[in-house]
């Protein structure tokens, strides 16, 4: 995306930050995998949202003092000998071109600059990305830095920036939507390749390879998440990722997957018969899930409360389960459906949301709609997931080019 997008993101973000504040965000770095091998690097999404930089070990510092905002980008030091092994890293002029931050320098200036900002002050707010999933999770760069700098400068008031940036990231710009549509379109091509090449006797990972190949040939460097390729009873495990079972004639296979494009994600689930033909029972379960999928999409528009939509959709699934004869009372639905109806989508697959998922749909949000019914005793698991953009009066299905009708699937596969 153009650097003006990141400039606008920073301007809108700093409007939410009170005076007498410093914001520091770290790009992050790839953790060690084993021996001398590292995991693939992916940037801290909040750092990327404000800079557009995808390379590791850089820092951005934003300040607001007496109403004046300043920006400074710190790039890792040049190591020409190391570049002979690992390749060229960003130069200061390249950092400016990508981020639009004019004051772009190297890392040896970082600590003197931070000291200069804080020295002599009575009280300063320091905003960092302090978000974490659980107490057992390893400390992020932001959390480690918070502990270190607070000991050096007791006058700092350390604050978490996540709530302020969440409000911005939930509403996608037209440029972000274009990136997501690219990821979604590639994902669709990959799913079509799966449907073309499915046959009994393959391993789940062998069929999955067709998706990977399609994405890679279209320039995808990373995926939204680990692909779920679940045939038969495996599809009744929500996040099954072993992907090593054999595809059997007469079974369904569920694929939950997504390409990533410039850090933005697609997320699609499709369930189809291995041999290209639904049995009557499979068709009944599939069409029950499809009716809920369509009804929820029809319901989404600005002003709808997420929690109310989730409760309503769960009730629809319960009604379908009663019709299928697998439950008698609606409260039994958790035996066959136990997740929410969807999630925000963007720079993260499960994108930022307020604590407790307490939000109302607004124009510009991108949300997944993914009802499912999972009948373990029948080895039938069906989920159908689409990505929708909330518009002024309803929503637009970004995955509309991915077929999902029984007739369409059977005709395409045969």
Protein backbone atom coordinates (compact mmCIF):
# COMPACT_ATOMS: atom_id res chain seq x y z
CA UNK A 1 0.00 0.00 0.00
CA UNK A 2 1.06 3.60 -0.46
CA UNK A 3 2.89 5.31 2.41
CA UNK A 4 0.01 7.80 2.72
CA UNK A 5 -2.13 4.98 4.15
CA UNK A 6 0.34 4.51 7.02
CA UNK A 7 0.56 8.26 7.54
CA UNK A 8 -3.23 8.40 7.91
CA UNK A 9 -3.15 5.47 10.31
CA UNK A 10 -0.59 7.24 12.50
CA UNK A 11 -2.50 10.52 12.42
CA UNK A 12 -5.75 8.85 13.47
CA UNK A 13 -3.97 6.85 16.15
CA UNK A 14 -2.16 9.86 17.65
CA UNK A 15 -5.46 11.76 17.77
CA UNK A 16 -6.51 9.18 20.38
CA UNK A 17 -3.34 9.58 22.45
CA UNK A 18 -3.36 12.21 25.20
CA UNK A 19 -0.74 14.93 25.50
CA UNK A 20 2.59 14.30 27.24
CA UNK A 21 2.87 10.80 25.79
CA UNK A 22 5.39 8.55 24.06
CA UNK A 23 4.41 5.56 21.91
CA UNK A 24 6.99 2.86 21.17
CA UNK A 25 6.28 -0.11 18.91
CA UNK A 26 8.63 -2.93 17.98
CA UNK A 27 8.60 -4.86 14.70
CA UNK A 28 9.63 -7.95 16.64
CA UNK A 29 11.95 -10.76 15.65
CA UNK A 30 11.69 -14.43 14.69
CA UNK A 31 12.17 -16.81 17.65
CA UNK A 32 14.64 -19.67 17.47
CA UNK A 33 13.21 -22.92 16.11
CA UNK A 34 16.08 -25.34 16.57
CA UNK A 35 19.86 -25.32 16.18
CA UNK A 36 20.65 -22.36 13.95
CA UNK A 37 17.17 -22.28 12.39
CA UNK A 38 14.60 -19.56 13.13
CA UNK A 39 10.86 -19.58 12.67
CA UNK A 40 9.55 -17.55 9.75
CA UNK A 41 9.29 -13.90 10.76
CA UNK A 42 6.02 -12.01 10.70
CA UNK A 43 5.82 -8.41 11.96
CA UNK A 44 3.93 -7.20 14.99
CA UNK A 45 0.64 -6.21 13.39
CA UNK A 46 0.29 -2.91 15.22
CA UNK A 47 3.82 -1.91 14.18
CA UNK A 48 2.97 -2.86 10.59
CA UNK A 49 -0.35 -0.99 10.70
CA UNK A 50 1.50 2.24 11.56
CA UNK A 51 4.59 1.82 9.35
CA UNK A 52 4.02 -0.70 6.53
CA UNK A 53 7.42 -2.25 7.31
CA UNK A 54 7.62 -6.06 7.27
CA UNK A 55 11.29 -6.51 8.24
CA UNK A 56 12.28 -7.50 11.79
CA UNK A 57 14.17 -5.63 14.52
CA UNK A 58 13.00 -2.09 13.77
CA UNK A 59 11.30 0.37 16.18
CA UNK A 60 8.96 3.32 15.69
CA UNK A 61 8.64 6.10 18.28
CA UNK A 62 5.73 8.54 18.18
CA UNK A 63 5.41 11.42 20.65
CA UNK A 64 2.88 14.07 21.57
CA UNK A 65 4.09 16.98 23.71
CA UNK A 66 2.25 20.30 24.00
CA UNK A 67 -0.07 19.15 21.22
CA UNK A 68 2.75 18.57 18.76
CA UNK A 69 3.22 15.11 17.27
CA UNK A 70 6.62 13.86 16.14
CA UNK A 71 7.68 10.59 14.48
CA UNK A 72 10.99 8.78 14.39
CA UNK A 73 11.86 5.42 12.83
CA UNK A 74 14.82 3.42 14.13
CA UNK A 75 16.23 0.80 11.76
CA UNK A 76 18.57 -1.99 12.80
CA UNK A 77 22.24 -1.28 12.32
CA UNK A 78 23.80 -2.19 8.99
CA UNK A 79 25.98 -5.29 9.02
CA UNK A 80 27.55 -5.64 5.59
CA UNK A 81 29.33 -8.91 6.46
CA UNK A 82 26.08 -10.49 7.65
CA UNK A 83 24.26 -9.25 4.54
CA UNK A 84 26.53 -11.48 2.48
CA UNK A 85 24.79 -14.44 4.19
CA UNK A 86 21.24 -13.26 4.81
CA UNK A 87 20.64 -10.49 2.29
CA UNK A 88 20.28 -6.73 2.31
CA UNK A 89 18.33 -4.99 5.08
CA UNK A 90 16.45 -1.68 4.98
CA UNK A 91 18.40 1.55 4.51
CA UNK A 92 17.21 4.79 6.10
CA UNK A 93 15.90 6.17 2.79
CA UNK A 94 13.93 2.95 2.21
CA UNK A 95 12.35 3.23 5.65
CA UNK A 96 11.18 6.72 4.68
CA UNK A 97 9.78 5.53 1.36
CA UNK A 98 7.75 2.70 2.90
CA UNK A 99 6.46 4.40 6.05
CA UNK A 100 6.38 8.08 5.14
CA UNK A 101 8.36 8.84 8.32
CA UNK A 102 10.91 11.46 7.31
CA UNK A 103 13.07 11.12 10.41
CA UNK A 104 14.55 7.68 9.79
CA UNK A 105 17.80 6.76 11.55
CA UNK A 106 19.68 3.70 12.82
CA UNK A 107 19.32 1.87 16.13
CA UNK A 108 22.39 3.30 17.87
CA UNK A 109 20.39 6.51 18.35
CA UNK A 110 17.38 4.83 20.03
CA UNK A 111 18.32 4.87 23.72
CA UNK A 112 19.84 8.39 23.67
CA UNK A 113 16.65 9.63 21.99
CA UNK A 114 14.37 7.94 24.54
CA UNK A 115 16.47 9.31 27.41
CA UNK A 116 16.24 12.81 25.96
CA UNK A 117 12.43 12.54 25.76
CA UNK A 118 12.06 11.45 29.40
CA UNK A 119 14.93 13.26 31.14
CA UNK A 120 13.80 16.08 33.44
CA UNK A 121 10.10 15.24 33.26
CA UNK A 122 7.85 14.72 36.29
CA UNK A 123 5.39 12.36 34.61
CA UNK A 124 5.18 10.90 31.10
CA UNK A 125 2.76 8.36 29.59
CA UNK A 126 4.49 5.51 27.78
CA UNK A 127 2.26 3.51 25.42
CA UNK A 128 3.39 0.01 24.47
CA UNK A 129 1.80 -3.09 22.97
CA UNK A 130 1.29 -5.10 26.17
CA UNK A 131 -1.33 -7.51 24.90
CA UNK A 132 -0.94 -11.21 25.68
CA UNK A 133 -3.12 -14.32 25.41
CA UNK A 134 -2.18 -15.87 28.75
CA UNK A 135 0.24 -15.53 31.65
CA UNK A 136 2.21 -18.54 30.36
CA UNK A 137 2.92 -16.82 27.03
CA UNK A 138 6.50 -15.63 26.50
CA UNK A 139 7.07 -11.90 26.97
CA UNK A 140 6.78 -9.81 23.83
CA UNK A 141 9.25 -7.05 22.99
CA UNK A 142 6.83 -4.50 24.41
CA UNK A 143 6.35 -6.32 27.71
CA UNK A 144 10.10 -6.91 28.14
CA UNK A 145 10.82 -3.26 27.38
CA UNK A 146 8.14 -2.11 29.85
CA UNK A 147 9.82 -3.98 32.72
CA UNK A 148 13.25 -2.71 31.77
CA UNK A 149 12.48 0.96 31.26
CA UNK A 150 10.14 1.35 34.23
CA UNK A 151 13.05 0.50 36.53
CA UNK A 152 15.18 3.17 34.88
CA UNK A 153 12.53 5.91 34.82
CA UNK A 154 10.02 5.63 37.71
CA UNK A 155 8.17 8.73 36.46
CA UNK A 156 6.83 6.77 33.48
CA UNK A 157 3.18 5.73 33.48
CA UNK A 158 3.14 2.58 31.33
CA UNK A 159 -0.09 2.05 29.39
CA UNK A 160 -1.36 -0.55 26.93
CA UNK A 161 -2.13 0.89 23.49
CA UNK A 162 -4.23 -2.09 22.33
CA UNK A 163 -7.69 -0.61 23.00
CA UNK A 164 -6.91 2.61 21.16
CA UNK A 165 -5.54 0.88 18.07
CA UNK A 166 -8.28 -1.77 18.10
CA UNK A 167 -10.89 0.92 17.43
CA UNK A 168 -9.02 1.87 14.27
CA UNK A 169 -8.09 -1.59 12.99
CA UNK A 170 -11.67 -2.87 13.22
CA UNK A 171 -12.73 -0.43 10.49
CA UNK A 172 -10.96 -1.22 7.22
CA UNK A 173 -9.96 1.39 4.66
CA UNK A 174 -10.56 0.83 0.96
CA UNK A 175 -6.86 0.07 0.58
CA UNK A 176 -7.01 -2.61 3.28
CA UNK A 177 -10.11 -4.15 1.72
CA UNK A 178 -8.29 -4.35 -1.61
CA UNK A 179 -5.44 -6.27 0.05
CA UNK A 180 -7.90 -8.62 1.72
CA UNK A 181 -9.79 -9.19 -1.52
CA UNK A 182 -6.52 -10.20 -3.15
CA UNK A 183 -5.88 -12.73 -0.36
CA UNK A 184 -9.46 -14.01 -0.66
CA UNK A 185 -9.32 -14.37 -4.46
CA UNK A 186 -6.11 -16.39 -4.22
CA UNK A 187 -7.69 -18.53 -1.51
CA UNK A 188 -10.66 -19.21 -3.78
CA UNK A 189 -8.36 -20.33 -6.59
CA UNK A 190 -6.64 -22.64 -4.14
CA UNK A 191 -9.92 -24.20 -2.98
CA UNK A 192 -10.97 -24.76 -6.57
CA UNK A 193 -7.70 -26.61 -7.13
CA UNK A 194 -8.51 -28.84 -4.16
CA UNK A 195 -11.93 -29.65 -5.58
CA UNK A 196 -10.47 -30.46 -9.00
CA UNK A 197 -7.89 -32.86 -7.61
CA UNK A 198 -9.76 -34.64 -4.81
CA UNK A 199 -9.91 -38.42 -5.03
CA UNK A 200 -10.15 -41.37 -2.68
CA UNK A 201 -6.86 -42.91 -1.56
CA UNK A 202 -4.99 -39.60 -1.21
CA UNK A 203 -3.71 -38.37 2.11
CA UNK A 204 -5.14 -35.13 3.47
CA UNK A 205 -1.72 -33.49 3.19
CA UNK A 206 -1.40 -34.59 -0.44
CA UNK A 207 -4.60 -32.81 -1.35
CA UNK A 208 -3.62 -29.82 0.79
CA UNK A 209 -0.46 -29.52 -1.34
CA UNK A 210 -2.56 -28.37 -4.30
CA UNK A 211 -3.75 -25.38 -2.27
CA UNK A 212 -0.20 -24.54 -1.21
CA UNK A 213 1.06 -24.78 -4.78
CA UNK A 214 -1.70 -22.54 -6.14
CA UNK A 215 -1.00 -19.90 -3.49
CA UNK A 216 2.77 -19.98 -3.93
CA UNK A 217 2.56 -19.66 -7.70
CA UNK A 218 0.44 -16.54 -7.19
CA UNK A 219 3.07 -14.89 -4.98
CA UNK A 220 1.83 -15.80 -1.51
CA UNK A 221 4.70 -15.82 1.00
CA UNK A 222 2.74 -16.84 4.10
CA UNK A 223 -0.64 -18.28 5.01
CA UNK A 224 -3.31 -16.89 7.30
CA UNK A 225 -3.02 -19.93 9.59
CA UNK A 226 -2.25 -23.65 9.50
CA UNK A 227 -4.58 -25.29 7.01
CA UNK A 228 -7.28 -27.59 8.36
CA UNK A 229 -7.74 -30.53 5.97
CA UNK A 230 -10.16 -32.84 7.73
CA UNK A 231 -11.82 -35.83 6.12
CA UNK A 232 -14.58 -37.96 7.65
CA UNK A 233 -14.69 -37.87 11.44
CA UNK A 234 -11.63 -35.58 11.56
CA UNK A 235 -13.94 -32.75 10.45
CA UNK A 236 -15.76 -32.98 13.79
CA UNK A 237 -12.59 -31.73 15.56
CA UNK A 238 -12.73 -27.96 15.21
CA UNK A 239 -9.02 -27.19 14.83
CA UNK A 240 -7.76 -30.49 13.46
CA UNK A 241 -4.35 -29.93 11.82
CA UNK A 242 -2.67 -33.35 11.63
CA UNK A 243 -3.77 -33.61 7.98
CA UNK A 244 -2.41 -37.14 7.62
CA UNK A 245 -5.48 -39.37 7.21
CA UNK A 246 -6.57 -41.08 4.02
CA UNK A 247 -9.45 -39.71 1.94
CA UNK A 248 -12.10 -42.37 1.61
CA UNK A 249 -14.73 -42.77 -1.07
CA UNK A 250 -18.08 -41.59 0.30
CA UNK A 251 -16.60 -39.22 2.92
CA UNK A 252 -16.77 -35.45 3.11
CA UNK A 253 -13.64 -33.37 3.50
CA UNK A 254 -13.60 -30.00 5.28
CA UNK A 255 -10.98 -27.39 4.37
CA UNK A 256 -10.52 -24.28 6.52
CA UNK A 257 -7.71 -22.19 5.05
CA UNK A 258 -6.54 -18.80 3.90
CA UNK A 259 -3.88 -17.05 1.88
CA UNK A 260 -2.15 -13.97 3.23
CA UNK A 261 -1.33 -10.94 1.09
CA UNK A 262 0.80 -8.08 2.46
CA UNK A 263 -0.06 -9.28 5.98
CA UNK A 264 -3.84 -9.23 5.27
CA UNK A 265 -5.75 -12.49 5.44
CA UNK A 266 -8.43 -14.45 3.71
CA UNK A 267 -10.34 -17.13 5.64
CA UNK A 268 -12.64 -19.60 3.88
CA UNK A 269 -14.12 -22.95 4.89
CA UNK A 270 -15.67 -25.26 2.34
CA UNK A 271 -16.87 -28.84 2.80
CA UNK A 272 -17.23 -31.12 -0.20
CA UNK A 273 -17.49 -34.83 -1.00
CA UNK A 274 -14.20 -36.60 -1.71
CA UNK A 275 -15.73 -38.30 -4.76
CA UNK A 276 -17.70 -35.27 -5.94
CA UNK A 277 -21.15 -36.57 -4.98
CA UNK A 278 -23.03 -35.93 -1.71
CA UNK A 279 -25.00 -38.77 -0.11
CA UNK A 280 -28.56 -37.87 0.86
CA UNK A 281 -27.61 -37.58 4.53
CA UNK A 282 -24.53 -35.48 3.78
CA UNK A 283 -26.65 -33.24 1.59
CA UNK A 284 -29.23 -32.79 4.36
CA UNK A 285 -26.58 -31.75 6.91
CA UNK A 286 -24.78 -29.54 4.39
CA UNK A 287 -27.92 -27.68 3.33
CA UNK A 288 -28.90 -27.16 6.98
CA UNK A 289 -25.57 -25.39 7.57
CA UNK A 290 -25.91 -23.48 4.30
CA UNK A 291 -29.34 -22.12 5.30
CA UNK A 292 -27.84 -20.72 8.50
CA UNK A 293 -24.86 -19.29 6.58
CA UNK A 294 -27.18 -17.41 4.22
CA UNK A 295 -29.52 -16.23 6.98
CA UNK A 296 -26.69 -14.77 9.06
CA UNK A 297 -25.20 -12.98 6.05
CA UNK A 298 -28.63 -11.49 5.34
CA UNK A 299 -28.84 -10.30 8.95
CA UNK A 300 -25.49 -8.46 9.18
CA UNK A 301 -25.65 -4.68 8.84
CA UNK A 302 -24.57 -1.59 10.81
CA UNK A 303 -26.22 -1.43 14.22
CA UNK A 304 -26.49 -5.19 14.75
CA UNK A 305 -25.07 -6.25 18.13
CA UNK A 306 -22.55 -9.08 17.76
CA UNK A 307 -23.63 -10.95 20.90
CA UNK A 308 -27.28 -10.87 19.80
CA UNK A 309 -26.33 -12.14 16.33
CA UNK A 310 -24.32 -14.96 17.88
CA UNK A 311 -27.23 -16.03 20.11
CA UNK A 312 -29.70 -15.81 17.22
CA UNK A 313 -27.49 -17.87 14.91
CA UNK A 314 -26.98 -20.52 17.57
CA UNK A 315 -30.75 -20.80 17.86
CA UNK A 316 -31.02 -21.30 14.08
CA UNK A 317 -28.45 -24.09 14.20
CA UNK A 318 -30.35 -25.72 17.07
CA UNK A 319 -33.53 -25.69 14.95
CA UNK A 320 -31.66 -27.33 12.08
CA UNK A 321 -30.25 -29.98 14.42
CA UNK A 322 -33.78 -30.82 15.58
CA UNK A 323 -34.89 -31.18 11.96
CA UNK A 324 -31.93 -33.51 11.34
CA UNK A 325 -33.06 -35.66 14.25
CA UNK A 326 -29.83 -35.40 16.25
CA UNK A 327 -31.30 -33.43 19.19
CA UNK A 328 -34.77 -32.97 20.67
CA UNK A 329 -34.30 -29.77 22.65
CA UNK A 330 -32.46 -26.59 21.60
CA UNK A 331 -30.26 -26.59 24.69
CA UNK A 332 -28.66 -29.80 23.42
CA UNK A 333 -27.13 -28.00 20.44
CA UNK A 334 -23.70 -27.71 22.12
CA UNK A 335 -23.20 -31.43 21.43
CA UNK A 336 -23.00 -30.64 17.71
CA UNK A 337 -22.03 -26.94 17.57
CA UNK A 338 -19.79 -25.23 20.13
CA UNK A 339 -18.11 -22.20 18.57
CA UNK A 340 -19.21 -18.66 17.77
CA UNK A 341 -20.73 -17.66 14.45
CA UNK A 342 -17.61 -15.82 13.29
CA UNK A 343 -14.85 -13.33 14.02
CA UNK A 344 -13.32 -10.12 12.74
CA UNK A 345 -10.81 -10.57 9.94
CA UNK A 346 -7.89 -8.40 8.88
CA UNK A 347 -4.20 -8.24 9.74
CA UNK A 348 -4.86 -11.15 12.09
CA UNK A 349 -7.08 -14.05 11.12
CA UNK A 350 -8.91 -13.64 14.42
CA UNK A 351 -8.57 -9.89 14.19
CA UNK A 352 -8.72 -7.35 17.01
CA UNK A 353 -11.96 -7.00 18.98
CA UNK A 354 -12.94 -5.27 22.24
CA UNK A 355 -12.56 -7.28 25.41
CA UNK A 356 -15.52 -9.60 25.81
CA UNK A 357 -16.36 -9.25 22.10
CA UNK A 358 -18.82 -6.52 23.06
CA UNK A 359 -19.24 -4.63 19.80
CA UNK A 360 -21.82 -3.40 17.32
CA UNK A 361 -21.29 -3.89 13.59
CA UNK A 362 -20.17 -0.75 11.76
CA UNK A 363 -19.59 0.04 8.11
CA UNK A 364 -16.07 -1.02 7.12
CA UNK A 365 -15.78 -4.07 9.37
CA UNK A 366 -14.85 -7.41 7.81
CA UNK A 367 -16.35 -10.43 9.54
CA UNK A 368 -16.42 -14.18 8.93
CA UNK A 369 -19.69 -16.11 8.92
CA UNK A 370 -19.00 -19.77 9.71
CA UNK A 371 -21.83 -21.92 11.04
CA UNK A 372 -21.18 -25.63 11.41
CA UNK A 373 -22.71 -28.91 12.49
CA UNK A 374 -20.42 -31.72 13.65
CA UNK A 375 -21.92 -35.20 14.06
CA UNK A 376 -19.16 -37.42 15.39
CA UNK A 377 -21.23 -40.61 15.47
CA UNK A 378 -21.94 -40.23 11.74
CA UNK A 379 -18.42 -39.03 10.80
CA UNK A 380 -19.99 -35.92 9.26
CA UNK A 381 -18.57 -32.47 9.95
CA UNK A 382 -19.78 -29.52 7.89
CA UNK A 383 -18.72 -25.88 8.14
CA UNK A 384 -19.28 -23.18 5.51
CA UNK A 385 -17.37 -19.94 6.00
CA UNK A 386 -17.60 -16.70 4.06
CA UNK A 387 -15.94 -13.31 4.58
CA UNK A 388 -18.25 -10.29 4.53
CA UNK A 389 -17.68 -6.54 4.46
CA UNK A 390 -20.21 -4.49 6.41
CA UNK A 391 -21.62 -1.78 4.12
CA UNK A 392 -23.91 1.20 4.66
CA UNK A 393 -27.12 -0.83 4.49
CA UNK A 394 -26.04 -4.46 4.85
CA UNK A 395 -22.96 -6.40 3.85
CA UNK A 396 -21.02 -7.46 0.76
CA UNK A 397 -19.82 -11.05 0.49
CA UNK A 398 -16.13 -10.82 -0.40
CA UNK A 399 -16.06 -14.59 -0.99
CA UNK A 400 -19.04 -14.52 -3.36
CA UNK A 401 -17.01 -16.12 -6.18
CA UNK A 402 -16.47 -19.28 -4.10
CA UNK A 403 -19.27 -21.71 -4.94
CA UNK A 404 -21.21 -23.31 -2.08
CA UNK A 405 -24.47 -24.74 -3.46
CA UNK A 406 -24.67 -28.54 -3.59
CA UNK A 407 -25.49 -28.52 -7.29
CA UNK A 408 -22.62 -26.12 -8.06
CA UNK A 409 -20.12 -28.25 -6.13
CA UNK A 410 -21.17 -31.49 -7.77
CA UNK A 411 -21.13 -29.98 -11.25
CA UNK A 412 -17.72 -28.38 -10.67
CA UNK A 413 -16.16 -31.59 -9.33
CA UNK A 414 -17.60 -33.79 -12.05
